[in-house]
């Protein structure tokens, strides 16, 4: 099980590394990667939709809940009313590639929450 490191925690690690290490290369690879990505901002997006599409943005994590009264599809899998799913790409600032997630809420309504580096686009 992985724990996602918060930006404030990573800044503390950056300060510690500056105090005890001559270079970032002396740190474990996962901490190096996290520190190198400190400057990346995370853009949270909340979308309510009764349509269909593909999320065309690299994303860190996504949550989807069917808040309608009919079944919809998320990545081709039926999502019944009041069901939800969460996906997280992991602690090392990994991302799900653009186009990984599709949805069809045509006869229902989904709330989709996404964290990414840019605002999400749907096609």
PDB file of N, CA and C in Angstrom:
ATOM      1  N   UNK A   1       0.844  -1.176   0.000  1.00  0.00           N
ATOM      2  CA  UNK A   1       0.000   0.000   0.000  1.00  0.00           C
ATOM      3  C   UNK A   1       0.889   1.238   0.000  1.00  0.00           C
ATOM      4  N   UNK A   2       0.554   2.187  -0.849  1.00  0.00           N
ATOM      5  CA  UNK A   2       1.333   3.411  -0.967  1.00  0.00           C
ATOM      6  C   UNK A   2       0.602   4.568  -0.308  1.00  0.00           C
ATOM      7  N   UNK A   3       1.344   5.523   0.188  1.00  0.00           N
ATOM      8  CA  UNK A   3       0.783   6.751   0.726  1.00  0.00           C
ATOM      9  C   UNK A   3       1.257   7.897  -0.144  1.00  0.00           C
ATOM     10  N   UNK A   4       0.325   8.707  -0.604  1.00  0.00           N
ATOM     11  CA  UNK A   4       0.685   9.849  -1.443  1.00  0.00           C
ATOM     12  C   UNK A   4       1.259  10.945  -0.554  1.00  0.00           C
ATOM     13  N   UNK A   5       2.449  11.426  -0.889  1.00  0.00           N
ATOM     14  CA  UNK A   5       3.097  12.469  -0.106  1.00  0.00           C
ATOM     15  C   UNK A   5       2.551  13.826  -0.501  1.00  0.00           C
ATOM     16  N   UNK A   6       2.166  14.603   0.485  1.00  0.00           N
ATOM     17  CA  UNK A   6       1.612  15.929   0.219  1.00  0.00           C
ATOM     18  C   UNK A   6       2.724  16.891  -0.191  1.00  0.00           C
ATOM     19  N   UNK A   7       2.375  17.956  -0.943  1.00  0.00           N
ATOM     20  CA  UNK A   7       3.388  18.952  -1.326  1.00  0.00           C
ATOM     21  C   UNK A   7       4.096  19.575  -0.130  1.00  0.00           C
ATOM     22  N   UNK A   8       3.378  19.828   0.968  1.00  0.00           N
ATOM     23  CA  UNK A   8       4.023  20.436   2.137  1.00  0.00           C
ATOM     24  C   UNK A   8       5.033  19.465   2.767  1.00  0.00           C
ATOM     25  N   UNK A   9       4.711  18.183   2.784  1.00  0.00           N
ATOM     26  CA  UNK A   9       5.640  17.186   3.307  1.00  0.00           C
ATOM     27  C   UNK A   9       6.872  17.087   2.413  1.00  0.00           C
ATOM     28  N   UNK A  10       6.660  17.140   1.106  1.00  0.00           N
ATOM     29  CA  UNK A  10       7.783  17.076   0.169  1.00  0.00           C
ATOM     30  C   UNK A  10       8.698  18.286   0.327  1.00  0.00           C
ATOM     31  N   UNK A  11       8.132  19.449   0.605  1.00  0.00           N
ATOM     32  CA  UNK A  11       8.968  20.637   0.830  1.00  0.00           C
ATOM     33  C   UNK A  11       9.828  20.467   2.075  1.00  0.00           C
ATOM     34  N   UNK A  12       9.258  19.812   3.106  1.00  0.00           N
ATOM     35  CA  UNK A  12      10.045  19.534   4.306  1.00  0.00           C
ATOM     36  C   UNK A  12      11.193  18.580   3.973  1.00  0.00           C
ATOM     37  N   UNK A  13      10.895  17.555   3.156  1.00  0.00           N
ATOM     38  CA  UNK A  13      11.948  16.630   2.740  1.00  0.00           C
ATOM     39  C   UNK A  13      13.032  17.346   1.952  1.00  0.00           C
ATOM     40  N   UNK A  14      12.630  18.292   1.122  1.00  0.00           N
ATOM     41  CA  UNK A  14      13.591  19.064   0.336  1.00  0.00           C
ATOM     42  C   UNK A  14      14.518  19.844   1.269  1.00  0.00           C
ATOM     43  N   UNK A  15      13.964  20.426   2.317  1.00  0.00           N
ATOM     44  CA  UNK A  15      14.781  21.161   3.290  1.00  0.00           C
ATOM     45  C   UNK A  15      15.739  20.228   4.010  1.00  0.00           C
ATOM     46  N   UNK A  16      15.260  19.040   4.370  1.00  0.00           N
ATOM     47  CA  UNK A  16      16.112  18.065   5.058  1.00  0.00           C
ATOM     48  C   UNK A  16      17.247  17.628   4.143  1.00  0.00           C
ATOM     49  N   UNK A  17      16.911  17.344   2.899  1.00  0.00           N
ATOM     50  CA  UNK A  17      17.947  16.917   1.946  1.00  0.00           C
ATOM     51  C   UNK A  17      19.012  18.004   1.805  1.00  0.00           C
ATOM     52  N   UNK A  18      18.599  19.275   1.751  1.00  0.00           N
ATOM     53  CA  UNK A  18      19.565  20.370   1.631  1.00  0.00           C
ATOM     54  C   UNK A  18      20.490  20.430   2.841  1.00  0.00           C
ATOM     55  N   UNK A  19      19.960  20.049   4.005  1.00  0.00           N
ATOM     56  CA  UNK A  19      20.753  20.112   5.225  1.00  0.00           C
ATOM     57  C   UNK A  19      21.743  18.953   5.353  1.00  0.00           C
ATOM     58  N   UNK A  20      21.412  17.776   4.794  1.00  0.00           N
ATOM     59  CA  UNK A  20      22.262  16.608   5.050  1.00  0.00           C
ATOM     60  C   UNK A  20      22.920  16.000   3.808  1.00  0.00           C
ATOM     61  N   UNK A  21      22.483  16.376   2.633  1.00  0.00           N
ATOM     62  CA  UNK A  21      23.030  15.759   1.422  1.00  0.00           C
ATOM     63  C   UNK A  21      23.736  16.789   0.557  1.00  0.00           C
ATOM     64  N   UNK A  22      24.757  16.343  -0.133  1.00  0.00           N
ATOM     65  CA  UNK A  22      25.442  17.216  -1.078  1.00  0.00           C
ATOM     66  C   UNK A  22      24.675  17.322  -2.386  1.00  0.00           C
ATOM     67  N   UNK A  23      23.927  16.275  -2.739  1.00  0.00           N
ATOM     68  CA  UNK A  23      23.141  16.300  -3.970  1.00  0.00           C
ATOM     69  C   UNK A  23      21.920  15.406  -3.827  1.00  0.00           C
ATOM     70  N   UNK A  24      20.912  15.668  -4.650  1.00  0.00           N
ATOM     71  CA  UNK A  24      19.693  14.857  -4.618  1.00  0.00           C
ATOM     72  C   UNK A  24      19.967  13.403  -4.991  1.00  0.00           C
ATOM     73  N   UNK A  25      21.047  13.167  -5.720  1.00  0.00           N
ATOM     74  CA  UNK A  25      21.364  11.808  -6.152  1.00  0.00           C
ATOM     75  C   UNK A  25      21.648  10.880  -4.972  1.00  0.00           C
ATOM     76  N   UNK A  26      21.923  11.452  -3.795  1.00  0.00           N
ATOM     77  CA  UNK A  26      22.171  10.639  -2.609  1.00  0.00           C
ATOM     78  C   UNK A  26      20.870  10.125  -1.991  1.00  0.00           C
ATOM     79  N   UNK A  27      19.737  10.651  -2.411  1.00  0.00           N
ATOM     80  CA  UNK A  27      18.442  10.258  -1.864  1.00  0.00           C
ATOM     81  C   UNK A  27      17.870   9.073  -2.636  1.00  0.00           C
ATOM     82  N   UNK A  28      16.949   8.321  -2.023  1.00  0.00           N
ATOM     83  CA  UNK A  28      16.263   7.252  -2.754  1.00  0.00           C
ATOM     84  C   UNK A  28      15.552   7.820  -3.992  1.00  0.00           C
ATOM     85  N   UNK A  29      15.445   6.991  -5.030  1.00  0.00           N
ATOM     86  CA  UNK A  29      14.891   7.433  -6.303  1.00  0.00           C
ATOM     87  C   UNK A  29      13.474   7.989  -6.160  1.00  0.00           C
ATOM     88  N   UNK A  30      12.619   7.352  -5.346  1.00  0.00           N
ATOM     89  CA  UNK A  30      11.247   7.844  -5.230  1.00  0.00           C
ATOM     90  C   UNK A  30      11.192   9.237  -4.625  1.00  0.00           C
ATOM     91  N   UNK A  31      12.085   9.546  -3.692  1.00  0.00           N
ATOM     92  CA  UNK A  31      12.111  10.891  -3.104  1.00  0.00           C
ATOM     93  C   UNK A  31      12.686  11.889  -4.111  1.00  0.00           C
ATOM     94  N   UNK A  32      13.709  11.485  -4.872  1.00  0.00           N
ATOM     95  CA  UNK A  32      14.238  12.356  -5.923  1.00  0.00           C
ATOM     96  C   UNK A  32      13.139  12.757  -6.892  1.00  0.00           C
ATOM     97  N   UNK A  33      12.367  11.769  -7.337  1.00  0.00           N
ATOM     98  CA  UNK A  33      11.292  12.024  -8.298  1.00  0.00           C
ATOM     99  C   UNK A  33      10.260  12.978  -7.716  1.00  0.00           C
ATOM    100  N   UNK A  34       9.864  12.734  -6.481  1.00  0.00           N
ATOM    101  CA  UNK A  34       8.870  13.595  -5.838  1.00  0.00           C
ATOM    102  C   UNK A  34       9.372  15.022  -5.697  1.00  0.00           C
ATOM    103  N   UNK A  35      10.639  15.184  -5.297  1.00  0.00           N
ATOM    104  CA  UNK A  35      11.197  16.523  -5.150  1.00  0.00           C
ATOM    105  C   UNK A  35      11.298  17.236  -6.495  1.00  0.00           C
ATOM    106  N   UNK A  36      11.638  16.502  -7.542  1.00  0.00           N
ATOM    107  CA  UNK A  36      11.726  17.104  -8.872  1.00  0.00           C
ATOM    108  C   UNK A  36      10.374  17.559  -9.391  1.00  0.00           C
ATOM    109  N   UNK A  37       9.310  16.970  -8.874  1.00  0.00           N
ATOM    110  CA  UNK A  37       7.968  17.322  -9.334  1.00  0.00           C
ATOM    111  C   UNK A  37       7.267  18.328  -8.424  1.00  0.00           C
ATOM    112  N   UNK A  38       7.997  18.886  -7.452  1.00  0.00           N
ATOM    113  CA  UNK A  38       7.378  19.845  -6.536  1.00  0.00           C
ATOM    114  C   UNK A  38       6.765  21.038  -7.256  1.00  0.00           C
ATOM    115  N   UNK A  39       7.376  21.454  -8.346  1.00  0.00           N
ATOM    116  CA  UNK A  39       6.894  22.646  -9.037  1.00  0.00           C
ATOM    117  C   UNK A  39       5.620  22.392  -9.828  1.00  0.00           C
ATOM    118  N   UNK A  40       5.254  21.133  -9.991  1.00  0.00           N
ATOM    119  CA  UNK A  40       4.032  20.823 -10.735  1.00  0.00           C
ATOM    120  C   UNK A  40       2.826  21.117  -9.866  1.00  0.00           C
ATOM    121  N   UNK A  41       1.896  21.886 -10.386  1.00  0.00           N
ATOM    122  CA  UNK A  41       0.673  22.167  -9.671  1.00  0.00           C
ATOM    123  C   UNK A  41      -0.367  21.104  -9.966  1.00  0.00           C
ATOM    124  N   UNK A  42      -1.266  20.908  -9.045  1.00  0.00           N
ATOM    125  CA  UNK A  42      -2.355  19.964  -9.249  1.00  0.00           C
ATOM    126  C   UNK A  42      -3.637  20.766  -9.408  1.00  0.00           C
ATOM    127  N   UNK A  43      -4.360  20.483 -10.476  1.00  0.00           N
ATOM    128  CA  UNK A  43      -5.610  21.175 -10.774  1.00  0.00           C
ATOM    129  C   UNK A  43      -6.765  20.218 -10.474  1.00  0.00           C
ATOM    130  N   UNK A  44      -7.546  20.501  -9.421  1.00  0.00           N
ATOM    131  CA  UNK A  44      -8.717  19.658  -9.160  1.00  0.00           C
ATOM    132  C   UNK A  44      -9.871  20.087 -10.066  1.00  0.00           C
ATOM    133  N   UNK A  45     -10.574  19.121 -10.605  1.00  0.00           N
ATOM    134  CA  UNK A  45     -11.722  19.408 -11.471  1.00  0.00           C
ATOM    135  C   UNK A  45     -12.888  18.554 -11.023  1.00  0.00           C
ATOM    136  N   UNK A  46     -14.056  19.167 -10.929  1.00  0.00           N
ATOM    137  CA  UNK A  46     -15.286  18.461 -10.588  1.00  0.00           C
ATOM    138  C   UNK A  46     -16.256  18.646 -11.736  1.00  0.00           C
ATOM    139  N   UNK A  47     -16.771  17.543 -12.231  1.00  0.00           N
ATOM    140  CA  UNK A  47     -17.637  17.562 -13.407  1.00  0.00           C
ATOM    141  C   UNK A  47     -18.913  16.792 -13.108  1.00  0.00           C
ATOM    142  N   UNK A  48     -20.035  17.378 -13.444  1.00  0.00           N
ATOM    143  CA  UNK A  48     -21.320  16.680 -13.374  1.00  0.00           C
ATOM    144  C   UNK A  48     -21.789  16.520 -14.819  1.00  0.00           C
ATOM    145  N   UNK A  49     -22.064  15.278 -15.220  1.00  0.00           N
ATOM    146  CA  UNK A  49     -22.395  15.042 -16.619  1.00  0.00           C
ATOM    147  C   UNK A  49     -23.479  13.988 -16.797  1.00  0.00           C
ATOM    148  N   UNK A  50     -24.246  14.151 -17.844  1.00  0.00           N
ATOM    149  CA  UNK A  50     -25.183  13.114 -18.277  1.00  0.00           C
ATOM    150  C   UNK A  50     -24.901  12.776 -19.747  1.00  0.00           C
ATOM    151  N   UNK A  51     -23.639  12.908 -20.115  1.00  0.00           N
ATOM    152  CA  UNK A  51     -23.203  12.611 -21.476  1.00  0.00           C
ATOM    153  C   UNK A  51     -22.201  11.470 -21.479  1.00  0.00           C
ATOM    154  N   UNK A  52     -21.447  11.392 -22.548  1.00  0.00           N
ATOM    155  CA  UNK A  52     -20.423  10.355 -22.654  1.00  0.00           C
ATOM    156  C   UNK A  52     -19.152  10.974 -23.207  1.00  0.00           C
ATOM    157  N   UNK A  53     -18.029  10.295 -23.005  1.00  0.00           N
ATOM    158  CA  UNK A  53     -16.779  10.825 -23.533  1.00  0.00           C
ATOM    159  C   UNK A  53     -15.567  10.096 -23.008  1.00  0.00           C
ATOM    160  N   UNK A  54     -14.417  10.649 -23.353  1.00  0.00           N
ATOM    161  CA  UNK A  54     -13.115  10.153 -22.936  1.00  0.00           C
ATOM    162  C   UNK A  54     -12.372  11.311 -22.286  1.00  0.00           C
ATOM    163  N   UNK A  55     -11.728  11.051 -21.164  1.00  0.00           N
ATOM    164  CA  UNK A  55     -10.960  12.096 -20.492  1.00  0.00           C
ATOM    165  C   UNK A  55      -9.581  12.141 -21.134  1.00  0.00           C
ATOM    166  N   UNK A  56      -9.292  13.235 -21.801  1.00  0.00           N
ATOM    167  CA  UNK A  56      -8.058  13.364 -22.576  1.00  0.00           C
ATOM    168  C   UNK A  56      -7.041  14.275 -21.907  1.00  0.00           C
ATOM    169  N   UNK A  57      -6.657  13.895 -20.714  1.00  0.00           N
ATOM    170  CA  UNK A  57      -5.634  14.588 -19.941  1.00  0.00           C
ATOM    171  C   UNK A  57      -4.945  13.554 -19.069  1.00  0.00           C
ATOM    172  N   UNK A  58      -3.628  13.634 -18.911  1.00  0.00           N
ATOM    173  CA  UNK A  58      -2.944  12.767 -17.951  1.00  0.00           C
ATOM    174  C   UNK A  58      -3.447  13.125 -16.561  1.00  0.00           C
ATOM    175  N   UNK A  59      -3.795  12.116 -15.754  1.00  0.00           N
ATOM    176  CA  UNK A  59      -4.362  12.408 -14.433  1.00  0.00           C
ATOM    177  C   UNK A  59      -3.679  11.593 -13.335  1.00  0.00           C
ATOM    178  N   UNK A  60      -3.639  12.194 -12.122  1.00  0.00           N
ATOM    179  CA  UNK A  60      -3.103  11.533 -10.940  1.00  0.00           C
ATOM    180  C   UNK A  60      -4.131  10.590 -10.326  1.00  0.00           C
ATOM    181  N   UNK A  61      -5.355  11.074 -10.190  1.00  0.00           N
ATOM    182  CA  UNK A  61      -6.407  10.236  -9.641  1.00  0.00           C
ATOM    183  C   UNK A  61      -7.766  10.698 -10.131  1.00  0.00           C
ATOM    184  N   UNK A  62      -8.726   9.771 -10.048  1.00  0.00           N
ATOM    185  CA  UNK A  62     -10.079  10.033 -10.524  1.00  0.00           C
ATOM    186  C   UNK A  62     -11.068   9.281  -9.644  1.00  0.00           C
ATOM    187  N   UNK A  63     -12.184   9.931  -9.369  1.00  0.00           N
ATOM    188  CA  UNK A  63     -13.298   9.313  -8.654  1.00  0.00           C
ATOM    189  C   UNK A  63     -14.552   9.558  -9.473  1.00  0.00           C
ATOM    190  N   UNK A  64     -15.380   8.528  -9.584  1.00  0.00           N
ATOM    191  CA  UNK A  64     -16.621   8.625 -10.347  1.00  0.00           C
ATOM    192  C   UNK A  64     -17.740   8.032  -9.513  1.00  0.00           C
ATOM    193  N   UNK A  65     -18.861   8.743  -9.456  1.00  0.00           N
ATOM    194  CA  UNK A  65     -20.038   8.234  -8.751  1.00  0.00           C
ATOM    195  C   UNK A  65     -21.259   8.434  -9.626  1.00  0.00           C
ATOM    196  N   UNK A  66     -22.072   7.399  -9.721  1.00  0.00           N
ATOM    197  CA  UNK A  66     -23.336   7.477 -10.443  1.00  0.00           C
ATOM    198  C   UNK A  66     -24.383   8.023  -9.468  1.00  0.00           C
ATOM    199  N   UNK A  67     -24.808   9.257  -9.681  1.00  0.00           N
ATOM    200  CA  UNK A  67     -25.795   9.889  -8.805  1.00  0.00           C
ATOM    201  C   UNK A  67     -27.172   9.920  -9.448  1.00  0.00           C
ATOM    202  N   UNK A  68     -27.307   9.293 -10.608  1.00  0.00           N
ATOM    203  CA  UNK A  68     -28.582   9.233 -11.313  1.00  0.00           C
ATOM    204  C   UNK A  68     -29.393   8.019 -10.897  1.00  0.00           C
ATOM    205  N   UNK A  69     -30.463   7.769 -11.644  1.00  0.00           N
ATOM    206  CA  UNK A  69     -31.369   6.670 -11.303  1.00  0.00           C
ATOM    207  C   UNK A  69     -31.252   5.481 -12.248  1.00  0.00           C
ATOM    208  N   UNK A  70     -30.371   5.555 -13.234  1.00  0.00           N
ATOM    209  CA  UNK A  70     -30.174   4.455 -14.172  1.00  0.00           C
ATOM    210  C   UNK A  70     -28.706   4.041 -14.190  1.00  0.00           C
ATOM    211  N   UNK A  71     -28.454   2.893 -14.781  1.00  0.00           N
ATOM    212  CA  UNK A  71     -27.094   2.383 -14.906  1.00  0.00           C
ATOM    213  C   UNK A  71     -26.324   3.148 -15.975  1.00  0.00           C
ATOM    214  N   UNK A  72     -25.042   3.397 -15.735  1.00  0.00           N
ATOM    215  CA  UNK A  72     -24.153   3.993 -16.724  1.00  0.00           C
ATOM    216  C   UNK A  72     -22.940   3.095 -16.906  1.00  0.00           C
ATOM    217  N   UNK A  73     -21.999   3.544 -17.728  1.00  0.00           N
ATOM    218  CA  UNK A  73     -20.784   2.766 -17.964  1.00  0.00           C
ATOM    219  C   UNK A  73     -19.557   3.608 -17.651  1.00  0.00           C
ATOM    220  N   UNK A  74     -18.587   3.004 -16.969  1.00  0.00           N
ATOM    221  CA  UNK A  74     -17.297   3.640 -16.754  1.00  0.00           C
ATOM    222  C   UNK A  74     -16.241   2.646 -17.213  1.00  0.00           C
ATOM    223  N   UNK A  75     -15.466   3.030 -18.214  1.00  0.00           N
ATOM    224  CA  UNK A  75     -14.491   2.132 -18.855  1.00  0.00           C
ATOM    225  C   UNK A  75     -15.148   0.827 -19.302  1.00  0.00           C
ATOM    226  N   UNK A  76     -16.383   0.938 -19.766  1.00  0.00           N
ATOM    227  CA  UNK A  76     -17.101  -0.223 -20.289  1.00  0.00           C
ATOM    228  C   UNK A  76     -17.737  -1.104 -19.239  1.00  0.00           C
ATOM    229  N   UNK A  77     -17.568  -0.781 -17.966  1.00  0.00           N
ATOM    230  CA  UNK A  77     -18.121  -1.579 -16.871  1.00  0.00           C
ATOM    231  C   UNK A  77     -19.372  -0.888 -16.334  1.00  0.00           C
ATOM    232  N   UNK A  78     -20.472  -1.636 -16.157  1.00  0.00           N
ATOM    233  CA  UNK A  78     -21.692  -1.025 -15.631  1.00  0.00           C
ATOM    234  C   UNK A  78     -21.473  -0.427 -14.242  1.00  0.00           C
ATOM    235  N   UNK A  79     -21.986   0.776 -14.069  1.00  0.00           N
ATOM    236  CA  UNK A  79     -21.954   1.462 -12.780  1.00  0.00           C
ATOM    237  C   UNK A  79     -23.409   1.732 -12.404  1.00  0.00           C
ATOM    238  N   UNK A  80     -23.915   0.988 -11.418  1.00  0.00           N
ATOM    239  CA  UNK A  80     -25.313   1.091 -11.001  1.00  0.00           C
ATOM    240  C   UNK A  80     -25.521   2.386 -10.214  1.00  0.00           C
ATOM    241  N   UNK A  81     -26.786   2.817 -10.084  1.00  0.00           N
ATOM    242  CA  UNK A  81     -27.063   4.013  -9.280  1.00  0.00           C
ATOM    243  C   UNK A  81     -26.468   3.894  -7.876  1.00  0.00           C
ATOM    244  N   UNK A  82     -25.861   4.959  -7.420  1.00  0.00           N
ATOM    245  CA  UNK A  82     -25.239   5.086  -6.107  1.00  0.00           C
ATOM    246  C   UNK A  82     -23.923   4.307  -5.969  1.00  0.00           C
ATOM    247  N   UNK A  83     -23.409   3.736  -7.045  1.00  0.00           N
ATOM    248  CA  UNK A  83     -22.096   3.102  -7.004  1.00  0.00           C
ATOM    249  C   UNK A  83     -21.027   4.100  -7.422  1.00  0.00           C
ATOM    250  N   UNK A  84     -19.818   3.906  -6.909  1.00  0.00           N
ATOM    251  CA  UNK A  84     -18.705   4.777  -7.264  1.00  0.00           C
ATOM    252  C   UNK A  84     -17.403   4.005  -7.294  1.00  0.00           C
ATOM    253  N   UNK A  85     -16.417   4.555  -7.985  1.00  0.00           N
ATOM    254  CA  UNK A  85     -15.092   3.946  -8.056  1.00  0.00           C
ATOM    255  C   UNK A  85     -14.027   5.030  -7.949  1.00  0.00           C
ATOM    256  N   UNK A  86     -12.850   4.642  -7.438  1.00  0.00           N
ATOM    257  CA  UNK A  86     -11.710   5.542  -7.302  1.00  0.00           C
ATOM    258  C   UNK A  86     -10.482   4.858  -7.882  1.00  0.00           C
ATOM    259  N   UNK A  87      -9.649   5.631  -8.594  1.00  0.00           N
ATOM    260  CA  UNK A  87      -8.380   5.144  -9.113  1.00  0.00           C
ATOM    261  C   UNK A  87      -7.314   6.174  -8.763  1.00  0.00           C
ATOM    262  N   UNK A  88      -6.147   5.680  -8.277  1.00  0.00           N
ATOM    263  CA  UNK A  88      -5.037   6.548  -7.923  1.00  0.00           C
ATOM    264  C   UNK A  88      -3.771   5.988  -8.556  1.00  0.00           C
ATOM    265  N   UNK A  89      -3.020   6.841  -9.255  1.00  0.00           N
ATOM    266  CA  UNK A  89      -1.836   6.379  -9.991  1.00  0.00           C
ATOM    267  C   UNK A  89      -0.631   6.112  -9.096  1.00  0.00           C
ATOM    268  N   UNK A  90      -0.692   6.442  -7.830  1.00  0.00           N
ATOM    269  CA  UNK A  90       0.389   6.078  -6.921  1.00  0.00           C
ATOM    270  C   UNK A  90       1.185   7.252  -6.398  1.00  0.00           C
ATOM    271  N   UNK A  91       2.138   6.943  -5.536  1.00  0.00           N
ATOM    272  CA  UNK A  91       2.875   7.933  -4.769  1.00  0.00           C
ATOM    273  C   UNK A  91       3.961   8.646  -5.563  1.00  0.00           C
ATOM    274  N   UNK A  92       4.461   8.068  -6.624  1.00  0.00           N
ATOM    275  CA  UNK A  92       5.624   8.629  -7.302  1.00  0.00           C
ATOM    276  C   UNK A  92       5.258   9.614  -8.399  1.00  0.00           C
ATOM    277  N   UNK A  93       4.168  10.310  -8.233  1.00  0.00           N
ATOM    278  CA  UNK A  93       3.688  11.253  -9.239  1.00  0.00           C
ATOM    279  C   UNK A  93       3.453  10.568 -10.578  1.00  0.00           C
ATOM    280  N   UNK A  94       3.088   9.293 -10.528  1.00  0.00           N
ATOM    281  CA  UNK A  94       2.685   8.585 -11.732  1.00  0.00           C
ATOM    282  C   UNK A  94       1.362   9.162 -12.208  1.00  0.00           C
ATOM    283  N   UNK A  95       1.072   8.972 -13.470  1.00  0.00           N
ATOM    284  CA  UNK A  95      -0.199   9.441 -14.014  1.00  0.00           C
ATOM    285  C   UNK A  95      -0.821   8.352 -14.867  1.00  0.00           C
ATOM    286  N   UNK A  96      -2.146   8.403 -14.966  1.00  0.00           N
ATOM    287  CA  UNK A  96      -2.853   7.613 -15.963  1.00  0.00           C
ATOM    288  C   UNK A  96      -2.789   8.408 -17.253  1.00  0.00           C
ATOM    289  N   UNK A  97      -2.451   7.737 -18.339  1.00  0.00           N
ATOM    290  CA  UNK A  97      -2.294   8.407 -19.624  1.00  0.00           C
ATOM    291  C   UNK A  97      -3.625   8.956 -20.133  1.00  0.00           C
ATOM    292  N   UNK A  98      -3.513  10.032 -20.869  1.00  0.00           N
ATOM    293  CA  UNK A  98      -4.667  10.628 -21.531  1.00  0.00           C
ATOM    294  C   UNK A  98      -5.411   9.552 -22.320  1.00  0.00           C
ATOM    295  N   UNK A  99      -6.714   9.512 -22.196  1.00  0.00           N
ATOM    296  CA  UNK A  99      -7.523   8.547 -22.923  1.00  0.00           C
ATOM    297  C   UNK A  99      -7.754   7.237 -22.194  1.00  0.00           C
ATOM    298  N   UNK A 100      -7.190   7.093 -20.986  1.00  0.00           N
ATOM    299  CA  UNK A 100      -7.345   5.851 -20.225  1.00  0.00           C
ATOM    300  C   UNK A 100      -8.789   5.637 -19.784  1.00  0.00           C
ATOM    301  N   UNK A 101      -9.488   6.716 -19.439  1.00  0.00           N
ATOM    302  CA  UNK A 101     -10.822   6.577 -18.853  1.00  0.00           C
ATOM    303  C   UNK A 101     -11.920   7.072 -19.793  1.00  0.00           C
ATOM    304  N   UNK A 102     -12.936   6.232 -19.954  1.00  0.00           N
ATOM    305  CA  UNK A 102     -14.115   6.587 -20.747  1.00  0.00           C
ATOM    306  C   UNK A 102     -15.354   6.430 -19.877  1.00  0.00           C
ATOM    307  N   UNK A 103     -16.394   7.141 -20.252  1.00  0.00           N
ATOM    308  CA  UNK A 103     -17.644   7.043 -19.493  1.00  0.00           C
ATOM    309  C   UNK A 103     -18.829   7.242 -20.427  1.00  0.00           C
ATOM    310  N   UNK A 104     -19.960   6.677 -20.010  1.00  0.00           N
ATOM    311  CA  UNK A 104     -21.226   6.884 -20.710  1.00  0.00           C
ATOM    312  C   UNK A 104     -22.317   7.007 -19.660  1.00  0.00           C
ATOM    313  N   UNK A 105     -22.729   8.239 -19.417  1.00  0.00           N
ATOM    314  CA  UNK A 105     -23.777   8.533 -18.444  1.00  0.00           C
ATOM    315  C   UNK A 105     -25.027   9.058 -19.165  1.00  0.00           C
ATOM    316  N   UNK A 106     -25.237   8.589 -20.387  1.00  0.00           N
ATOM    317  CA  UNK A 106     -26.302   9.112 -21.239  1.00  0.00           C
ATOM    318  C   UNK A 106     -27.679   9.043 -20.585  1.00  0.00           C
ATOM    319  N   UNK A 107     -28.001   7.945 -19.920  1.00  0.00           N
ATOM    320  CA  UNK A 107     -29.332   7.787 -19.314  1.00  0.00           C
ATOM    321  C   UNK A 107     -29.320   7.989 -17.807  1.00  0.00           C
ATOM    322  N   UNK A 108     -28.240   8.566 -17.283  1.00  0.00           N
ATOM    323  CA  UNK A 108     -28.101   8.773 -15.846  1.00  0.00           C
ATOM    324  C   UNK A 108     -27.276  10.038 -15.606  1.00  0.00           C
ATOM    325  N   UNK A 109     -26.640  10.153 -14.456  1.00  0.00           N
ATOM    326  CA  UNK A 109     -25.798  11.320 -14.175  1.00  0.00           C
ATOM    327  C   UNK A 109     -24.600  10.883 -13.347  1.00  0.00           C
ATOM    328  N   UNK A 110     -23.413  11.276 -13.764  1.00  0.00           N
ATOM    329  CA  UNK A 110     -22.170  10.983 -13.051  1.00  0.00           C
ATOM    330  C   UNK A 110     -21.590  12.268 -12.479  1.00  0.00           C
ATOM    331  N   UNK A 111     -20.974  12.143 -11.304  1.00  0.00           N
ATOM    332  CA  UNK A 111     -20.082  13.184 -10.788  1.00  0.00           C
ATOM    333  C   UNK A 111     -18.681  12.602 -10.900  1.00  0.00           C
ATOM    334  N   UNK A 112     -17.799  13.342 -11.579  1.00  0.00           N
ATOM    335  CA  UNK A 112     -16.427  12.889 -11.820  1.00  0.00           C
ATOM    336  C   UNK A 112     -15.476  13.914 -11.200  1.00  0.00           C
ATOM    337  N   UNK A 113     -14.602  13.449 -10.308  1.00  0.00           N
ATOM    338  CA  UNK A 113     -13.590  14.306  -9.686  1.00  0.00           C
ATOM    339  C   UNK A 113     -12.220  13.839 -10.160  1.00  0.00           C
ATOM    340  N   UNK A 114     -11.418  14.785 -10.663  1.00  0.00           N
ATOM    341  CA  UNK A 114     -10.123  14.460 -11.240  1.00  0.00           C
ATOM    342  C   UNK A 114      -9.058  15.403 -10.688  1.00  0.00           C
ATOM    343  N   UNK A 115      -7.878  14.878 -10.378  1.00  0.00           N
ATOM    344  CA  UNK A 115      -6.700  15.681 -10.060  1.00  0.00           C
ATOM    345  C   UNK A 115      -5.694  15.467 -11.180  1.00  0.00           C
ATOM    346  N   UNK A 116      -5.272  16.574 -11.800  1.00  0.00           N
ATOM    347  CA  UNK A 116      -4.342  16.500 -12.918  1.00  0.00           C
ATOM    348  C   UNK A 116      -3.468  17.748 -12.917  1.00  0.00           C
ATOM    349  N   UNK A 117      -2.522  17.797 -13.846  1.00  0.00           N
ATOM    350  CA  UNK A 117      -1.656  18.981 -13.954  1.00  0.00           C
ATOM    351  C   UNK A 117      -2.326  20.098 -14.747  1.00  0.00           C
ATOM    352  N   UNK A 118      -3.323  19.748 -15.544  1.00  0.00           N
ATOM    353  CA  UNK A 118      -4.046  20.734 -16.345  1.00  0.00           C
ATOM    354  C   UNK A 118      -5.533  20.462 -16.212  1.00  0.00           C
ATOM    355  N   UNK A 119      -6.329  21.422 -16.603  1.00  0.00           N
ATOM    356  CA  UNK A 119      -7.770  21.224 -16.596  1.00  0.00           C
ATOM    357  C   UNK A 119      -8.108  20.067 -17.528  1.00  0.00           C
ATOM    358  N   UNK A 120      -9.079  19.252 -17.141  1.00  0.00           N
ATOM    359  CA  UNK A 120      -9.403  18.100 -17.966  1.00  0.00           C
ATOM    360  C   UNK A 120     -10.164  18.529 -19.219  1.00  0.00           C
ATOM    361  N   UNK A 121      -9.964  17.758 -20.264  1.00  0.00           N
ATOM    362  CA  UNK A 121     -10.737  17.936 -21.485  1.00  0.00           C
ATOM    363  C   UNK A 121     -11.441  16.617 -21.769  1.00  0.00           C
ATOM    364  N   UNK A 122     -12.640  16.730 -22.268  1.00  0.00           N
ATOM    365  CA  UNK A 122     -13.452  15.553 -22.576  1.00  0.00           C
ATOM    366  C   UNK A 122     -13.857  15.621 -24.033  1.00  0.00           C
ATOM    367  N   UNK A 123     -13.688  14.500 -24.720  1.00  0.00           N
ATOM    368  CA  UNK A 123     -14.124  14.429 -26.120  1.00  0.00           C
ATOM    369  C   UNK A 123     -15.080  13.283 -26.274  1.00  0.00           C
TER     370      UNK A 123
END
